[in-house]
């Protein structure tokens, strides 16, 4: 674990680059992380990010399936917004720990 400066704020991050304290997250930090992932955030991205943050705060398990059943977006659309590794990228941008379901 270490520290990283993102959007001018020092945050705690894991060895994988995920924030370890989701309370340090701000929308500006999310924007910066999204740029690192070559993603330009839209309102739909932010809906998913807020859903992910709410799920994690509630202690729920985060899976691609849960995002697909959220009513916000289907799984194909989720892959379109966060290409390659949607759950990993979305979780990182949302400032939450790496989901257990991600390798």
PDB file of N, CA and C in Angstrom:
ATOM      1  N   UNK A   1       0.847  -1.178   0.000  1.00  0.00           N
ATOM      2  CA  UNK A   1       0.000   0.000   0.000  1.00  0.00           C
ATOM      3  C   UNK A   1       0.886   1.233   0.000  1.00  0.00           C
ATOM      4  N   UNK A   2       0.330   2.308  -0.531  1.00  0.00           N
ATOM      5  CA  UNK A   2       1.078   3.539  -0.596  1.00  0.00           C
ATOM      6  C   UNK A   2       0.160   4.721  -0.757  1.00  0.00           C
ATOM      7  N   UNK A   3       0.770   5.810  -1.130  1.00  0.00           N
ATOM      8  CA  UNK A   3       0.024   7.045  -1.360  1.00  0.00           C
ATOM      9  C   UNK A   3       0.212   7.469  -2.804  1.00  0.00           C
ATOM     10  N   UNK A   4      -0.789   8.198  -3.281  1.00  0.00           N
ATOM     11  CA  UNK A   4      -0.732   8.721  -4.640  1.00  0.00           C
ATOM     12  C   UNK A   4      -1.445  10.066  -4.639  1.00  0.00           C
ATOM     13  N   UNK A   5      -0.929  10.995  -5.389  1.00  0.00           N
ATOM     14  CA  UNK A   5      -1.597  12.287  -5.530  1.00  0.00           C
ATOM     15  C   UNK A   5      -2.464  12.220  -6.784  1.00  0.00           C
ATOM     16  N   UNK A   6      -3.752  12.396  -6.566  1.00  0.00           N
ATOM     17  CA  UNK A   6      -4.719  12.373  -7.669  1.00  0.00           C
ATOM     18  C   UNK A   6      -5.550  13.638  -7.550  1.00  0.00           C
ATOM     19  N   UNK A   7      -5.619  14.403  -8.633  1.00  0.00           N
ATOM     20  CA  UNK A   7      -6.385  15.661  -8.658  1.00  0.00           C
ATOM     21  C   UNK A   7      -5.972  16.572  -7.496  1.00  0.00           C
ATOM     22  N   UNK A   8      -4.668  16.575  -7.194  1.00  0.00           N
ATOM     23  CA  UNK A   8      -4.149  17.463  -6.155  1.00  0.00           C
ATOM     24  C   UNK A   8      -4.371  16.998  -4.727  1.00  0.00           C
ATOM     25  N   UNK A   9      -4.907  15.791  -4.548  1.00  0.00           N
ATOM     26  CA  UNK A   9      -5.185  15.278  -3.207  1.00  0.00           C
ATOM     27  C   UNK A   9      -4.420  13.977  -2.992  1.00  0.00           C
ATOM     28  N   UNK A  10      -3.783  13.851  -1.840  1.00  0.00           N
ATOM     29  CA  UNK A  10      -3.066  12.630  -1.510  1.00  0.00           C
ATOM     30  C   UNK A  10      -4.055  11.604  -0.971  1.00  0.00           C
ATOM     31  N   UNK A  11      -4.069  10.425  -1.603  1.00  0.00           N
ATOM     32  CA  UNK A  11      -4.982   9.356  -1.192  1.00  0.00           C
ATOM     33  C   UNK A  11      -4.185   8.077  -0.973  1.00  0.00           C
ATOM     34  N   UNK A  12      -4.748   7.184  -0.182  1.00  0.00           N
ATOM     35  CA  UNK A  12      -4.157   5.870   0.073  1.00  0.00           C
ATOM     36  C   UNK A  12      -4.590   4.920  -1.041  1.00  0.00           C
ATOM     37  N   UNK A  13      -3.619   4.194  -1.597  1.00  0.00           N
ATOM     38  CA  UNK A  13      -3.931   3.248  -2.663  1.00  0.00           C
ATOM     39  C   UNK A  13      -3.281   1.897  -2.388  1.00  0.00           C
ATOM     40  N   UNK A  14      -3.887   0.850  -2.925  1.00  0.00           N
ATOM     41  CA  UNK A  14      -3.339  -0.503  -2.821  1.00  0.00           C
ATOM     42  C   UNK A  14      -2.224  -0.663  -3.849  1.00  0.00           C
ATOM     43  N   UNK A  15      -1.558  -1.800  -3.801  1.00  0.00           N
ATOM     44  CA  UNK A  15      -0.509  -2.088  -4.778  1.00  0.00           C
ATOM     45  C   UNK A  15      -1.060  -2.138  -6.201  1.00  0.00           C
ATOM     46  N   UNK A  16      -2.358  -2.455  -6.336  1.00  0.00           N
ATOM     47  CA  UNK A  16      -3.012  -2.500  -7.644  1.00  0.00           C
ATOM     48  C   UNK A  16      -3.495  -1.138  -8.116  1.00  0.00           C
ATOM     49  N   UNK A  17      -3.359  -0.103  -7.288  1.00  0.00           N
ATOM     50  CA  UNK A  17      -3.772   1.246  -7.669  1.00  0.00           C
ATOM     51  C   UNK A  17      -5.209   1.599  -7.322  1.00  0.00           C
ATOM     52  N   UNK A  18      -5.861   0.772  -6.509  1.00  0.00           N
ATOM     53  CA  UNK A  18      -7.226   1.058  -6.076  1.00  0.00           C
ATOM     54  C   UNK A  18      -7.181   1.841  -4.768  1.00  0.00           C
ATOM     55  N   UNK A  19      -8.069   2.795  -4.631  1.00  0.00           N
ATOM     56  CA  UNK A  19      -8.137   3.538  -3.383  1.00  0.00           C
ATOM     57  C   UNK A  19      -8.551   2.589  -2.256  1.00  0.00           C
ATOM     58  N   UNK A  20      -7.946   2.770  -1.091  1.00  0.00           N
ATOM     59  CA  UNK A  20      -8.256   1.894   0.039  1.00  0.00           C
ATOM     60  C   UNK A  20      -9.242   2.535   1.010  1.00  0.00           C
ATOM     61  N   UNK A  21      -9.461   3.840   0.871  1.00  0.00           N
ATOM     62  CA  UNK A  21     -10.428   4.548   1.715  1.00  0.00           C
ATOM     63  C   UNK A  21     -11.383   5.300   0.796  1.00  0.00           C
ATOM     64  N   UNK A  22     -12.554   4.729   0.595  1.00  0.00           N
ATOM     65  CA  UNK A  22     -13.485   5.341  -0.364  1.00  0.00           C
ATOM     66  C   UNK A  22     -13.973   6.723   0.073  1.00  0.00           C
ATOM     67  N   UNK A  23     -13.796   7.069   1.346  1.00  0.00           N
ATOM     68  CA  UNK A  23     -14.207   8.384   1.825  1.00  0.00           C
ATOM     69  C   UNK A  23     -13.280   9.496   1.330  1.00  0.00           C
ATOM     70  N   UNK A  24     -12.104   9.135   0.828  1.00  0.00           N
ATOM     71  CA  UNK A  24     -11.179  10.129   0.276  1.00  0.00           C
ATOM     72  C   UNK A  24     -11.560  10.529  -1.151  1.00  0.00           C
ATOM     73  N   UNK A  25     -12.464   9.774  -1.761  1.00  0.00           N
ATOM     74  CA  UNK A  25     -12.838   9.986  -3.157  1.00  0.00           C
ATOM     75  C   UNK A  25     -13.627  11.276  -3.337  1.00  0.00           C
ATOM     76  N   UNK A  26     -13.394  11.944  -4.456  1.00  0.00           N
ATOM     77  CA  UNK A  26     -14.194  13.092  -4.896  1.00  0.00           C
ATOM     78  C   UNK A  26     -14.487  12.892  -6.386  1.00  0.00           C
ATOM     79  N   UNK A  27     -15.497  13.575  -6.914  1.00  0.00           N
ATOM     80  CA  UNK A  27     -15.744  13.464  -8.352  1.00  0.00           C
ATOM     81  C   UNK A  27     -14.527  13.871  -9.193  1.00  0.00           C
ATOM     82  N   UNK A  28     -13.746  14.825  -8.695  1.00  0.00           N
ATOM     83  CA  UNK A  28     -12.546  15.258  -9.423  1.00  0.00           C
ATOM     84  C   UNK A  28     -11.515  14.123  -9.484  1.00  0.00           C
ATOM     85  N   UNK A  29     -11.385  13.385  -8.387  1.00  0.00           N
ATOM     86  CA  UNK A  29     -10.489  12.229  -8.376  1.00  0.00           C
ATOM     87  C   UNK A  29     -10.989  11.192  -9.379  1.00  0.00           C
ATOM     88  N   UNK A  30     -12.295  10.953  -9.398  1.00  0.00           N
ATOM     89  CA  UNK A  30     -12.874  10.025 -10.367  1.00  0.00           C
ATOM     90  C   UNK A  30     -12.565  10.434 -11.796  1.00  0.00           C
ATOM     91  N   UNK A  31     -12.659  11.728 -12.083  1.00  0.00           N
ATOM     92  CA  UNK A  31     -12.350  12.240 -13.428  1.00  0.00           C
ATOM     93  C   UNK A  31     -10.896  11.963 -13.788  1.00  0.00           C
ATOM     94  N   UNK A  32      -9.986  12.199 -12.855  1.00  0.00           N
ATOM     95  CA  UNK A  32      -8.558  11.972 -13.082  1.00  0.00           C
ATOM     96  C   UNK A  32      -8.264  10.502 -13.344  1.00  0.00           C
ATOM     97  N   UNK A  33      -8.843   9.626 -12.532  1.00  0.00           N
ATOM     98  CA  UNK A  33      -8.621   8.184 -12.717  1.00  0.00           C
ATOM     99  C   UNK A  33      -9.200   7.749 -14.069  1.00  0.00           C
ATOM    100  N   UNK A  34     -10.358   8.280 -14.427  1.00  0.00           N
ATOM    101  CA  UNK A  34     -10.970   7.951 -15.723  1.00  0.00           C
ATOM    102  C   UNK A  34     -10.043   8.350 -16.869  1.00  0.00           C
ATOM    103  N   UNK A  35      -9.396   9.506 -16.754  1.00  0.00           N
ATOM    104  CA  UNK A  35      -8.455   9.934 -17.796  1.00  0.00           C
ATOM    105  C   UNK A  35      -7.311   8.928 -17.920  1.00  0.00           C
ATOM    106  N   UNK A  36      -6.831   8.407 -16.778  1.00  0.00           N
ATOM    107  CA  UNK A  36      -5.771   7.399 -16.801  1.00  0.00           C
ATOM    108  C   UNK A  36      -6.234   6.146 -17.538  1.00  0.00           C
ATOM    109  N   UNK A  37      -7.533   5.855 -17.464  1.00  0.00           N
ATOM    110  CA  UNK A  37      -8.112   4.679 -18.125  1.00  0.00           C
ATOM    111  C   UNK A  37      -8.583   5.004 -19.547  1.00  0.00           C
ATOM    112  N   UNK A  38      -8.318   6.234 -20.012  1.00  0.00           N
ATOM    113  CA  UNK A  38      -8.750   6.694 -21.340  1.00  0.00           C
ATOM    114  C   UNK A  38     -10.264   6.666 -21.492  1.00  0.00           C
ATOM    115  N   UNK A  39     -10.955   7.062 -20.418  1.00  0.00           N
ATOM    116  CA  UNK A  39     -12.413   7.121 -20.431  1.00  0.00           C
ATOM    117  C   UNK A  39     -12.840   8.545 -20.124  1.00  0.00           C
ATOM    118  N   UNK A  40     -13.716   9.081 -20.955  1.00  0.00           N
ATOM    119  CA  UNK A  40     -14.302  10.393 -20.696  1.00  0.00           C
ATOM    120  C   UNK A  40     -15.669  10.162 -20.053  1.00  0.00           C
ATOM    121  N   UNK A  41     -15.790  10.587 -18.810  1.00  0.00           N
ATOM    122  CA  UNK A  41     -17.004  10.291 -18.054  1.00  0.00           C
ATOM    123  C   UNK A  41     -18.206  11.075 -18.555  1.00  0.00           C
ATOM    124  N   UNK A  42     -19.318  10.354 -18.694  1.00  0.00           N
ATOM    125  CA  UNK A  42     -20.606  10.950 -19.056  1.00  0.00           C
ATOM    126  C   UNK A  42     -21.539  10.812 -17.854  1.00  0.00           C
ATOM    127  N   UNK A  43     -22.739  11.325 -17.997  1.00  0.00           N
ATOM    128  CA  UNK A  43     -23.734  11.170 -16.926  1.00  0.00           C
ATOM    129  C   UNK A  43     -24.015   9.684 -16.666  1.00  0.00           C
ATOM    130  N   UNK A  44     -24.036   8.861 -17.711  1.00  0.00           N
ATOM    131  CA  UNK A  44     -24.293   7.421 -17.556  1.00  0.00           C
ATOM    132  C   UNK A  44     -23.162   6.761 -16.766  1.00  0.00           C
ATOM    133  N   UNK A  45     -21.923   7.139 -17.066  1.00  0.00           N
ATOM    134  CA  UNK A  45     -20.790   6.637 -16.278  1.00  0.00           C
ATOM    135  C   UNK A  45     -20.985   6.983 -14.799  1.00  0.00           C
ATOM    136  N   UNK A  46     -21.367   8.218 -14.538  1.00  0.00           N
ATOM    137  CA  UNK A  46     -21.510   8.669 -13.150  1.00  0.00           C
ATOM    138  C   UNK A  46     -22.647   7.937 -12.449  1.00  0.00           C
ATOM    139  N   UNK A  47     -23.711   7.604 -13.170  1.00  0.00           N
ATOM    140  CA  UNK A  47     -24.794   6.812 -12.572  1.00  0.00           C
ATOM    141  C   UNK A  47     -24.259   5.457 -12.103  1.00  0.00           C
ATOM    142  N   UNK A  48     -23.452   4.848 -12.936  1.00  0.00           N
ATOM    143  CA  UNK A  48     -22.885   3.544 -12.593  1.00  0.00           C
ATOM    144  C   UNK A  48     -21.901   3.686 -11.432  1.00  0.00           C
ATOM    145  N   UNK A  49     -21.076   4.694 -11.467  1.00  0.00           N
ATOM    146  CA  UNK A  49     -20.108   4.922 -10.389  1.00  0.00           C
ATOM    147  C   UNK A  49     -20.835   5.147  -9.062  1.00  0.00           C
ATOM    148  N   UNK A  50     -21.881   5.939  -9.083  1.00  0.00           N
ATOM    149  CA  UNK A  50     -22.642   6.163  -7.846  1.00  0.00           C
ATOM    150  C   UNK A  50     -23.319   4.884  -7.367  1.00  0.00           C
ATOM    151  N   UNK A  51     -23.820   4.073  -8.303  1.00  0.00           N
ATOM    152  CA  UNK A  51     -24.410   2.782  -7.948  1.00  0.00           C
ATOM    153  C   UNK A  51     -23.360   1.900  -7.265  1.00  0.00           C
ATOM    154  N   UNK A  52     -22.182   1.831  -7.849  1.00  0.00           N
ATOM    155  CA  UNK A  52     -21.094   1.021  -7.287  1.00  0.00           C
ATOM    156  C   UNK A  52     -20.733   1.512  -5.891  1.00  0.00           C
ATOM    157  N   UNK A  53     -20.596   2.796  -5.724  1.00  0.00           N
ATOM    158  CA  UNK A  53     -20.248   3.352  -4.411  1.00  0.00           C
ATOM    159  C   UNK A  53     -21.337   3.031  -3.381  1.00  0.00           C
ATOM    160  N   UNK A  54     -22.587   3.145  -3.783  1.00  0.00           N
ATOM    161  CA  UNK A  54     -23.692   2.830  -2.869  1.00  0.00           C
ATOM    162  C   UNK A  54     -23.691   1.348  -2.486  1.00  0.00           C
ATOM    163  N   UNK A  55     -23.442   0.458  -3.461  1.00  0.00           N
ATOM    164  CA  UNK A  55     -23.391  -0.985  -3.190  1.00  0.00           C
ATOM    165  C   UNK A  55     -22.282  -1.308  -2.194  1.00  0.00           C
ATOM    166  N   UNK A  56     -21.128  -0.719  -2.416  1.00  0.00           N
ATOM    167  CA  UNK A  56     -19.988  -0.997  -1.533  1.00  0.00           C
ATOM    168  C   UNK A  56     -20.252  -0.451  -0.131  1.00  0.00           C
ATOM    169  N   UNK A  57     -20.802   0.764  -0.047  1.00  0.00           N
ATOM    170  CA  UNK A  57     -21.127   1.343   1.269  1.00  0.00           C
ATOM    171  C   UNK A  57     -22.109   0.459   2.028  1.00  0.00           C
ATOM    172  N   UNK A  58     -23.037  -0.154   1.302  1.00  0.00           N
ATOM    173  CA  UNK A  58     -24.045  -1.026   1.924  1.00  0.00           C
ATOM    174  C   UNK A  58     -23.472  -2.394   2.286  1.00  0.00           C
ATOM    175  N   UNK A  59     -22.229  -2.659   1.871  1.00  0.00           N
ATOM    176  CA  UNK A  59     -21.606  -3.951   2.176  1.00  0.00           C
ATOM    177  C   UNK A  59     -21.985  -5.060   1.219  1.00  0.00           C
ATOM    178  N   UNK A  60     -22.597  -4.700   0.102  1.00  0.00           N
ATOM    179  CA  UNK A  60     -23.012  -5.696  -0.879  1.00  0.00           C
ATOM    180  C   UNK A  60     -21.837  -6.141  -1.749  1.00  0.00           C
ATOM    181  N   UNK A  61     -21.912  -7.350  -2.269  1.00  0.00           N
ATOM    182  CA  UNK A  61     -20.894  -7.866  -3.173  1.00  0.00           C
ATOM    183  C   UNK A  61     -21.065  -7.221  -4.535  1.00  0.00           C
ATOM    184  N   UNK A  62     -19.956  -6.802  -5.098  1.00  0.00           N
ATOM    185  CA  UNK A  62     -19.972  -6.125  -6.388  1.00  0.00           C
ATOM    186  C   UNK A  62     -19.616  -7.122  -7.484  1.00  0.00           C
ATOM    187  N   UNK A  63     -20.536  -7.277  -8.449  1.00  0.00           N
ATOM    188  CA  UNK A  63     -20.298  -8.170  -9.588  1.00  0.00           C
ATOM    189  C   UNK A  63     -20.793  -7.491 -10.860  1.00  0.00           C
ATOM    190  N   UNK A  64     -20.319  -7.992 -11.980  1.00  0.00           N
ATOM    191  CA  UNK A  64     -20.811  -7.477 -13.262  1.00  0.00           C
ATOM    192  C   UNK A  64     -22.313  -7.715 -13.354  1.00  0.00           C
ATOM    193  N   UNK A  65     -22.738  -8.871 -12.883  1.00  0.00           N
ATOM    194  CA  UNK A  65     -24.166  -9.200 -12.924  1.00  0.00           C
ATOM    195  C   UNK A  65     -24.992  -8.189 -12.127  1.00  0.00           C
ATOM    196  N   UNK A  66     -24.508  -7.790 -10.946  1.00  0.00           N
ATOM    197  CA  UNK A  66     -25.268  -6.825 -10.136  1.00  0.00           C
ATOM    198  C   UNK A  66     -25.389  -5.478 -10.847  1.00  0.00           C
ATOM    199  N   UNK A  67     -24.347  -5.098 -11.573  1.00  0.00           N
ATOM    200  CA  UNK A  67     -24.429  -3.851 -12.350  1.00  0.00           C
ATOM    201  C   UNK A  67     -25.439  -4.031 -13.476  1.00  0.00           C
ATOM    202  N   UNK A  68     -25.405  -5.179 -14.142  1.00  0.00           N
ATOM    203  CA  UNK A  68     -26.347  -5.455 -15.229  1.00  0.00           C
ATOM    204  C   UNK A  68     -27.793  -5.502 -14.772  1.00  0.00           C
ATOM    205  N   UNK A  69     -28.020  -5.873 -13.507  1.00  0.00           N
ATOM    206  CA  UNK A  69     -29.381  -5.937 -12.957  1.00  0.00           C
ATOM    207  C   UNK A  69     -29.780  -4.639 -12.248  1.00  0.00           C
ATOM    208  N   UNK A  70     -28.915  -3.634 -12.300  1.00  0.00           N
ATOM    209  CA  UNK A  70     -29.155  -2.378 -11.576  1.00  0.00           C
ATOM    210  C   UNK A  70     -30.316  -1.567 -12.147  1.00  0.00           C
ATOM    211  N   UNK A  71     -30.662  -1.814 -13.403  1.00  0.00           N
ATOM    212  CA  UNK A  71     -31.673  -0.997 -14.053  1.00  0.00           C
ATOM    213  C   UNK A  71     -31.074   0.248 -14.700  1.00  0.00           C
ATOM    214  N   UNK A  72     -29.781   0.450 -14.496  1.00  0.00           N
ATOM    215  CA  UNK A  72     -29.096   1.603 -15.083  1.00  0.00           C
ATOM    216  C   UNK A  72     -28.612   1.279 -16.486  1.00  0.00           C
ATOM    217  N   UNK A  73     -28.060   0.061 -16.609  1.00  0.00           N
ATOM    218  CA  UNK A  73     -27.454  -0.342 -17.879  1.00  0.00           C
ATOM    219  C   UNK A  73     -27.427  -1.865 -17.936  1.00  0.00           C
ATOM    220  N   UNK A  74     -27.436  -2.406 -19.161  1.00  0.00           N
ATOM    221  CA  UNK A  74     -27.290  -3.855 -19.284  1.00  0.00           C
ATOM    222  C   UNK A  74     -25.795  -4.192 -19.352  1.00  0.00           C
ATOM    223  N   UNK A  75     -25.481  -5.467 -19.316  1.00  0.00           N
ATOM    224  CA  UNK A  75     -24.077  -5.889 -19.269  1.00  0.00           C
ATOM    225  C   UNK A  75     -23.319  -5.464 -20.532  1.00  0.00           C
ATOM    226  N   UNK A  76     -23.958  -5.590 -21.680  1.00  0.00           N
ATOM    227  CA  UNK A  76     -23.306  -5.189 -22.938  1.00  0.00           C
ATOM    228  C   UNK A  76     -22.981  -3.685 -22.912  1.00  0.00           C
ATOM    229  N   UNK A  77     -23.904  -2.891 -22.419  1.00  0.00           N
ATOM    230  CA  UNK A  77     -23.667  -1.457 -22.312  1.00  0.00           C
ATOM    231  C   UNK A  77     -22.563  -1.126 -21.317  1.00  0.00           C
ATOM    232  N   UNK A  78     -22.497  -1.916 -20.232  1.00  0.00           N
ATOM    233  CA  UNK A  78     -21.455  -1.736 -19.223  1.00  0.00           C
ATOM    234  C   UNK A  78     -20.073  -1.963 -19.853  1.00  0.00           C
ATOM    235  N   UNK A  79     -19.959  -3.027 -20.650  1.00  0.00           N
ATOM    236  CA  UNK A  79     -18.704  -3.283 -21.356  1.00  0.00           C
ATOM    237  C   UNK A  79     -18.390  -2.157 -22.339  1.00  0.00           C
ATOM    238  N   UNK A  80     -19.411  -1.568 -22.925  1.00  0.00           N
ATOM    239  CA  UNK A  80     -19.188  -0.470 -23.866  1.00  0.00           C
ATOM    240  C   UNK A  80     -18.664   0.788 -23.188  1.00  0.00           C
ATOM    241  N   UNK A  81     -19.157   1.054 -21.985  1.00  0.00           N
ATOM    242  CA  UNK A  81     -18.721   2.265 -21.267  1.00  0.00           C
ATOM    243  C   UNK A  81     -17.352   2.104 -20.610  1.00  0.00           C
ATOM    244  N   UNK A  82     -17.044   0.886 -20.191  1.00  0.00           N
ATOM    245  CA  UNK A  82     -15.774   0.601 -19.507  1.00  0.00           C
ATOM    246  C   UNK A  82     -15.105  -0.572 -20.227  1.00  0.00           C
ATOM    247  N   UNK A  83     -14.593  -0.334 -21.454  1.00  0.00           N
ATOM    248  CA  UNK A  83     -14.089  -1.438 -22.278  1.00  0.00           C
ATOM    249  C   UNK A  83     -12.911  -2.185 -21.654  1.00  0.00           C
ATOM    250  N   UNK A  84     -12.879  -3.488 -21.931  1.00  0.00           N
ATOM    251  CA  UNK A  84     -11.768  -4.322 -21.488  1.00  0.00           C
ATOM    252  C   UNK A  84     -12.062  -5.052 -20.200  1.00  0.00           C
ATOM    253  N   UNK A  85     -12.121  -4.317 -19.134  1.00  0.00           N
ATOM    254  CA  UNK A  85     -12.364  -4.905 -17.807  1.00  0.00           C
ATOM    255  C   UNK A  85     -13.315  -3.968 -17.065  1.00  0.00           C
ATOM    256  N   UNK A  86     -14.606  -4.021 -17.399  1.00  0.00           N
ATOM    257  CA  UNK A  86     -15.529  -3.004 -16.911  1.00  0.00           C
ATOM    258  C   UNK A  86     -15.625  -2.880 -15.392  1.00  0.00           C
ATOM    259  N   UNK A  87     -15.708  -3.980 -14.685  1.00  0.00           N
ATOM    260  CA  UNK A  87     -15.875  -3.889 -13.242  1.00  0.00           C
ATOM    261  C   UNK A  87     -14.609  -3.347 -12.578  1.00  0.00           C
ATOM    262  N   UNK A  88     -13.452  -3.800 -13.043  1.00  0.00           N
ATOM    263  CA  UNK A  88     -12.187  -3.314 -12.495  1.00  0.00           C
ATOM    264  C   UNK A  88     -12.045  -1.807 -12.727  1.00  0.00           C
ATOM    265  N   UNK A  89     -12.301  -1.381 -13.956  1.00  0.00           N
ATOM    266  CA  UNK A  89     -12.151   0.039 -14.294  1.00  0.00           C
ATOM    267  C   UNK A  89     -13.166   0.890 -13.547  1.00  0.00           C
ATOM    268  N   UNK A  90     -14.412   0.457 -13.532  1.00  0.00           N
ATOM    269  CA  UNK A  90     -15.455   1.239 -12.865  1.00  0.00           C
ATOM    270  C   UNK A  90     -15.192   1.329 -11.366  1.00  0.00           C
ATOM    271  N   UNK A  91     -14.747   0.245 -10.758  1.00  0.00           N
ATOM    272  CA  UNK A  91     -14.450   0.253  -9.320  1.00  0.00           C
ATOM    273  C   UNK A  91     -13.286   1.191  -9.029  1.00  0.00           C
ATOM    274  N   UNK A  92     -12.272   1.147  -9.858  1.00  0.00           N
ATOM    275  CA  UNK A  92     -11.114   2.022  -9.660  1.00  0.00           C
ATOM    276  C   UNK A  92     -11.523   3.489  -9.769  1.00  0.00           C
ATOM    277  N   UNK A  93     -12.314   3.809 -10.782  1.00  0.00           N
ATOM    278  CA  UNK A  93     -12.782   5.184 -10.973  1.00  0.00           C
ATOM    279  C   UNK A  93     -13.689   5.605  -9.820  1.00  0.00           C
ATOM    280  N   UNK A  94     -14.479   4.668  -9.303  1.00  0.00           N
ATOM    281  CA  UNK A  94     -15.408   4.957  -8.199  1.00  0.00           C
ATOM    282  C   UNK A  94     -14.703   5.096  -6.851  1.00  0.00           C
ATOM    283  N   UNK A  95     -13.402   4.788  -6.817  1.00  0.00           N
ATOM    284  CA  UNK A  95     -12.652   4.947  -5.580  1.00  0.00           C
ATOM    285  C   UNK A  95     -12.909   3.879  -4.541  1.00  0.00           C
ATOM    286  N   UNK A  96     -13.285   2.682  -4.998  1.00  0.00           N
ATOM    287  CA  UNK A  96     -13.531   1.577  -4.063  1.00  0.00           C
ATOM    288  C   UNK A  96     -12.453   0.519  -4.247  1.00  0.00           C
ATOM    289  N   UNK A  97     -12.366  -0.376  -3.273  1.00  0.00           N
ATOM    290  CA  UNK A  97     -11.375  -1.444  -3.349  1.00  0.00           C
ATOM    291  C   UNK A  97     -11.669  -2.359  -4.527  1.00  0.00           C
ATOM    292  N   UNK A  98     -10.637  -3.041  -5.001  1.00  0.00           N
ATOM    293  CA  UNK A  98     -10.785  -3.982  -6.105  1.00  0.00           C
ATOM    294  C   UNK A  98     -11.792  -5.054  -5.713  1.00  0.00           C
ATOM    295  N   UNK A  99     -12.828  -5.257  -6.533  1.00  0.00           N
ATOM    296  CA  UNK A  99     -13.834  -6.267  -6.233  1.00  0.00           C
ATOM    297  C   UNK A  99     -13.215  -7.658  -6.116  1.00  0.00           C
ATOM    298  N   UNK A 100     -13.699  -8.443  -5.181  1.00  0.00           N
ATOM    299  CA  UNK A 100     -13.181  -9.796  -4.959  1.00  0.00           C
ATOM    300  C   UNK A 100     -13.376 -10.670  -6.183  1.00  0.00           C
ATOM    301  N   UNK A 101     -14.384 -10.366  -6.992  1.00  0.00           N
ATOM    302  CA  UNK A 101     -14.674 -11.182  -8.167  1.00  0.00           C
ATOM    303  C   UNK A 101     -13.707 -10.894  -9.328  1.00  0.00           C
ATOM    304  N   UNK A 102     -12.843  -9.885  -9.176  1.00  0.00           N
ATOM    305  CA  UNK A 102     -11.879  -9.540 -10.229  1.00  0.00           C
ATOM    306  C   UNK A 102     -10.526 -10.162  -9.927  1.00  0.00           C
ATOM    307  N   UNK A 103      -9.950 -10.762 -10.947  1.00  0.00           N
ATOM    308  CA  UNK A 103      -8.636 -11.393 -10.800  1.00  0.00           C
ATOM    309  C   UNK A 103      -7.556 -10.359 -10.935  1.00  0.00           C
TER     310      UNK A 103
END
